[in-house]
N, C-alpha and C. Protein backbone atom coordinates (compact mmCIF):
# COMPACT_ATOMS: atom_id res chain seq x y z
N MET A 1 0.84 -1.18 -0.01
CA MET A 1 0.01 0.00 0.00
C MET A 1 0.89 1.25 0.00
N ILE A 2 0.50 2.23 -0.77
CA ILE A 2 1.25 3.46 -0.90
C ILE A 2 0.58 4.55 -0.06
N THR A 3 1.37 5.28 0.70
CA THR A 3 0.84 6.42 1.45
C THR A 3 1.16 7.68 0.66
N ILE A 4 0.13 8.44 0.36
CA ILE A 4 0.26 9.67 -0.41
C ILE A 4 -0.05 10.83 0.51
N SER A 5 0.67 11.93 0.32
CA SER A 5 0.39 13.13 1.11
C SER A 5 -0.05 14.24 0.15
N CYS A 6 -0.95 15.07 0.65
CA CYS A 6 -1.47 16.19 -0.13
C CYS A 6 -0.36 17.23 -0.29
N ASP A 7 -0.16 17.75 -1.47
CA ASP A 7 0.87 18.75 -1.71
C ASP A 7 0.48 20.09 -1.14
N VAL A 8 -0.78 20.34 -0.86
CA VAL A 8 -1.20 21.64 -0.34
C VAL A 8 -1.16 21.64 1.18
N CYS A 9 -1.94 20.75 1.81
CA CYS A 9 -2.04 20.78 3.28
C CYS A 9 -1.08 19.82 3.97
N LYS A 10 -0.37 19.00 3.21
CA LYS A 10 0.61 18.03 3.72
C LYS A 10 -0.02 16.93 4.56
N LYS A 11 -1.32 16.72 4.45
CA LYS A 11 -2.02 15.65 5.19
C LYS A 11 -1.71 14.32 4.53
N LYS A 12 -1.43 13.30 5.35
CA LYS A 12 -1.15 11.96 4.86
C LYS A 12 -2.47 11.24 4.59
N LEU A 13 -2.55 10.60 3.43
CA LEU A 13 -3.74 9.84 3.06
C LEU A 13 -3.38 8.37 3.10
N ASP A 14 -3.69 7.72 4.22
CA ASP A 14 -3.31 6.31 4.41
C ASP A 14 -4.11 5.40 3.50
N GLU A 15 -5.40 5.58 3.45
CA GLU A 15 -6.23 4.77 2.57
C GLU A 15 -6.56 5.57 1.32
N SER A 16 -5.58 5.65 0.45
CA SER A 16 -5.76 6.47 -0.75
C SER A 16 -6.52 5.73 -1.82
N ASN A 17 -7.46 6.40 -2.40
CA ASN A 17 -8.30 5.85 -3.45
C ASN A 17 -8.41 6.92 -4.53
N TYR A 18 -7.72 6.74 -5.65
CA TYR A 18 -7.68 7.73 -6.71
C TYR A 18 -9.08 8.06 -7.21
N GLY A 19 -9.38 9.34 -7.29
CA GLY A 19 -10.67 9.78 -7.75
C GLY A 19 -11.71 9.91 -6.66
N ARG A 20 -11.35 9.45 -5.47
CA ARG A 20 -12.30 9.53 -4.35
C ARG A 20 -11.69 10.28 -3.17
N THR A 21 -10.50 9.91 -2.76
CA THR A 21 -9.86 10.57 -1.61
C THR A 21 -8.67 11.42 -2.01
N PHE A 22 -8.14 11.24 -3.19
CA PHE A 22 -7.07 12.11 -3.67
C PHE A 22 -7.16 12.23 -5.18
N PHE A 23 -6.58 13.32 -5.69
CA PHE A 23 -6.65 13.62 -7.12
C PHE A 23 -5.27 14.12 -7.58
N PHE A 24 -4.94 13.81 -8.82
CA PHE A 24 -3.75 14.36 -9.45
C PHE A 24 -4.20 15.45 -10.40
N TYR A 25 -3.63 16.65 -10.20
CA TYR A 25 -3.97 17.76 -11.10
C TYR A 25 -2.73 18.62 -11.24
N ALA A 26 -2.31 18.87 -12.46
CA ALA A 26 -1.16 19.71 -12.75
C ALA A 26 0.08 19.27 -11.99
N ASN A 27 0.34 17.98 -12.03
CA ASN A 27 1.53 17.38 -11.40
C ASN A 27 1.54 17.52 -9.89
N HIS A 28 0.40 17.66 -9.28
CA HIS A 28 0.27 17.74 -7.83
C HIS A 28 -0.76 16.73 -7.38
N SER A 29 -0.53 16.13 -6.23
CA SER A 29 -1.56 15.26 -5.64
C SER A 29 -2.21 16.08 -4.56
N ILE A 30 -3.54 16.12 -4.61
CA ILE A 30 -4.29 16.91 -3.62
C ILE A 30 -5.42 16.05 -3.03
N CYS A 31 -5.72 16.34 -1.77
CA CYS A 31 -6.80 15.61 -1.09
C CYS A 31 -8.15 16.17 -1.51
N GLU A 32 -9.19 15.44 -1.16
CA GLU A 32 -10.54 15.82 -1.55
C GLU A 32 -10.94 17.17 -0.96
N THR A 33 -10.57 17.43 0.28
CA THR A 33 -10.89 18.71 0.93
C THR A 33 -10.25 19.88 0.21
N CYS A 34 -8.97 19.77 -0.13
CA CYS A 34 -8.26 20.84 -0.83
C CYS A 34 -8.82 21.02 -2.25
N LYS A 35 -9.21 19.93 -2.89
CA LYS A 35 -9.81 20.04 -4.22
C LYS A 35 -11.11 20.81 -4.15
N ASP A 36 -11.95 20.47 -3.19
CA ASP A 36 -13.22 21.17 -3.02
C ASP A 36 -13.00 22.64 -2.71
N ASN A 37 -12.03 22.96 -1.86
CA ASN A 37 -11.72 24.36 -1.52
C ASN A 37 -11.21 25.12 -2.75
N LEU A 38 -10.40 24.46 -3.57
CA LEU A 38 -9.87 25.08 -4.77
C LEU A 38 -11.01 25.39 -5.75
N GLU A 39 -11.90 24.45 -5.96
CA GLU A 39 -13.03 24.69 -6.86
C GLU A 39 -13.98 25.75 -6.31
N PHE A 40 -14.20 25.77 -5.01
CA PHE A 40 -15.07 26.79 -4.39
C PHE A 40 -14.47 28.18 -4.53
N SER A 41 -13.16 28.31 -4.33
CA SER A 41 -12.53 29.63 -4.40
C SER A 41 -12.49 30.15 -5.84
N ALA A 42 -12.50 29.25 -6.82
CA ALA A 42 -12.43 29.67 -8.23
C ALA A 42 -13.81 29.89 -8.84
N LYS A 43 -14.86 29.46 -8.16
CA LYS A 43 -16.21 29.46 -8.74
C LYS A 43 -16.66 30.87 -9.18
N SER A 44 -16.45 31.87 -8.37
CA SER A 44 -16.93 33.22 -8.71
C SER A 44 -16.22 33.79 -9.94
N GLN A 45 -14.93 33.55 -10.05
CA GLN A 45 -14.18 34.06 -11.20
C GLN A 45 -14.53 33.30 -12.47
N VAL A 46 -14.82 32.03 -12.36
CA VAL A 46 -15.17 31.23 -13.53
C VAL A 46 -16.56 31.65 -14.05
N ARG A 47 -17.48 31.91 -13.13
CA ARG A 47 -18.82 32.32 -13.55
C ARG A 47 -18.84 33.69 -14.18
N ALA A 48 -17.92 34.55 -13.76
CA ALA A 48 -17.87 35.93 -14.30
C ALA A 48 -17.16 36.00 -15.65
N ARG A 49 -16.49 34.94 -16.03
CA ARG A 49 -15.71 34.92 -17.25
C ARG A 49 -16.61 34.69 -18.47
N THR A 50 -16.71 35.70 -19.34
CA THR A 50 -17.46 35.53 -20.59
C THR A 50 -16.60 36.10 -21.69
N PRO A 51 -16.46 35.47 -22.79
CA PRO A 51 -16.84 34.11 -23.09
C PRO A 51 -15.88 33.15 -22.39
N PHE A 52 -16.40 32.03 -21.99
CA PHE A 52 -15.63 31.03 -21.28
C PHE A 52 -14.70 30.31 -22.25
N SER A 53 -13.47 30.08 -21.79
CA SER A 53 -12.48 29.38 -22.61
C SER A 53 -11.86 28.27 -21.75
N MET A 54 -11.81 27.08 -22.29
CA MET A 54 -11.23 25.95 -21.56
C MET A 54 -9.73 26.14 -21.35
N ASP A 55 -9.06 26.78 -22.32
CA ASP A 55 -7.62 27.05 -22.19
C ASP A 55 -7.39 28.01 -21.00
N TRP A 56 -8.21 29.03 -20.90
CA TRP A 56 -8.09 29.98 -19.79
C TRP A 56 -8.36 29.26 -18.47
N TYR A 57 -9.38 28.41 -18.41
CA TYR A 57 -9.72 27.68 -17.18
C TYR A 57 -8.57 26.79 -16.74
N SER A 58 -7.98 26.06 -17.68
CA SER A 58 -6.88 25.17 -17.33
C SER A 58 -5.69 25.93 -16.76
N LYS A 59 -5.36 27.04 -17.40
CA LYS A 59 -4.23 27.86 -16.94
C LYS A 59 -4.56 28.49 -15.57
N PHE A 60 -5.76 28.95 -15.41
CA PHE A 60 -6.20 29.57 -14.16
C PHE A 60 -6.13 28.56 -13.00
N MET A 61 -6.60 27.33 -13.22
CA MET A 61 -6.57 26.31 -12.18
C MET A 61 -5.15 25.89 -11.85
N ARG A 62 -4.31 25.73 -12.87
CA ARG A 62 -2.90 25.39 -12.62
C ARG A 62 -2.21 26.48 -11.81
N ASP A 63 -2.42 27.75 -12.17
CA ASP A 63 -1.80 28.86 -11.43
C ASP A 63 -2.33 28.91 -10.01
N SER A 64 -3.63 28.71 -9.85
CA SER A 64 -4.21 28.74 -8.49
C SER A 64 -3.64 27.61 -7.62
N LEU A 65 -3.50 26.44 -8.21
CA LEU A 65 -2.97 25.31 -7.46
C LEU A 65 -1.50 25.51 -7.12
N ASP A 66 -0.73 26.08 -8.03
CA ASP A 66 0.69 26.37 -7.75
C ASP A 66 0.81 27.37 -6.59
N LYS A 67 -0.02 28.39 -6.57
CA LYS A 67 0.00 29.37 -5.48
C LYS A 67 -0.39 28.70 -4.15
N ALA A 68 -1.39 27.81 -4.21
CA ALA A 68 -1.82 27.10 -2.99
C ALA A 68 -0.71 26.20 -2.45
N VAL A 69 0.03 25.54 -3.31
CA VAL A 69 1.11 24.67 -2.87
C VAL A 69 2.21 25.50 -2.21
N GLN A 70 2.50 26.68 -2.77
CA GLN A 70 3.51 27.54 -2.20
C GLN A 70 3.10 28.07 -0.84
N LYS A 71 1.82 28.47 -0.69
CA LYS A 71 1.33 29.02 0.56
C LYS A 71 1.08 27.94 1.60
N GLY A 72 0.74 26.75 1.16
CA GLY A 72 0.40 25.66 2.08
C GLY A 72 -1.06 25.66 2.42
N ARG A 73 -1.85 26.42 1.73
CA ARG A 73 -3.31 26.46 1.94
C ARG A 73 -3.96 27.09 0.73
N ILE A 74 -5.26 26.96 0.66
CA ILE A 74 -6.01 27.55 -0.48
C ILE A 74 -6.74 28.78 0.01
């Protein structure tokens, strides 16, 4: 069994289940709580973006996640 730790909050995920308890995004492994917080914090900016572009969204989420990893929180 592999123990994975969240790159943002550094929490250890003993019973890791890909797609349920941890996620890989932009070369980072993040826990479900941090993923939910990341999506919640980005929701207002994504809704205000017109016209919506998937390229912009991908870059925005990568940049947001990189900032979160540096700060240690979202």
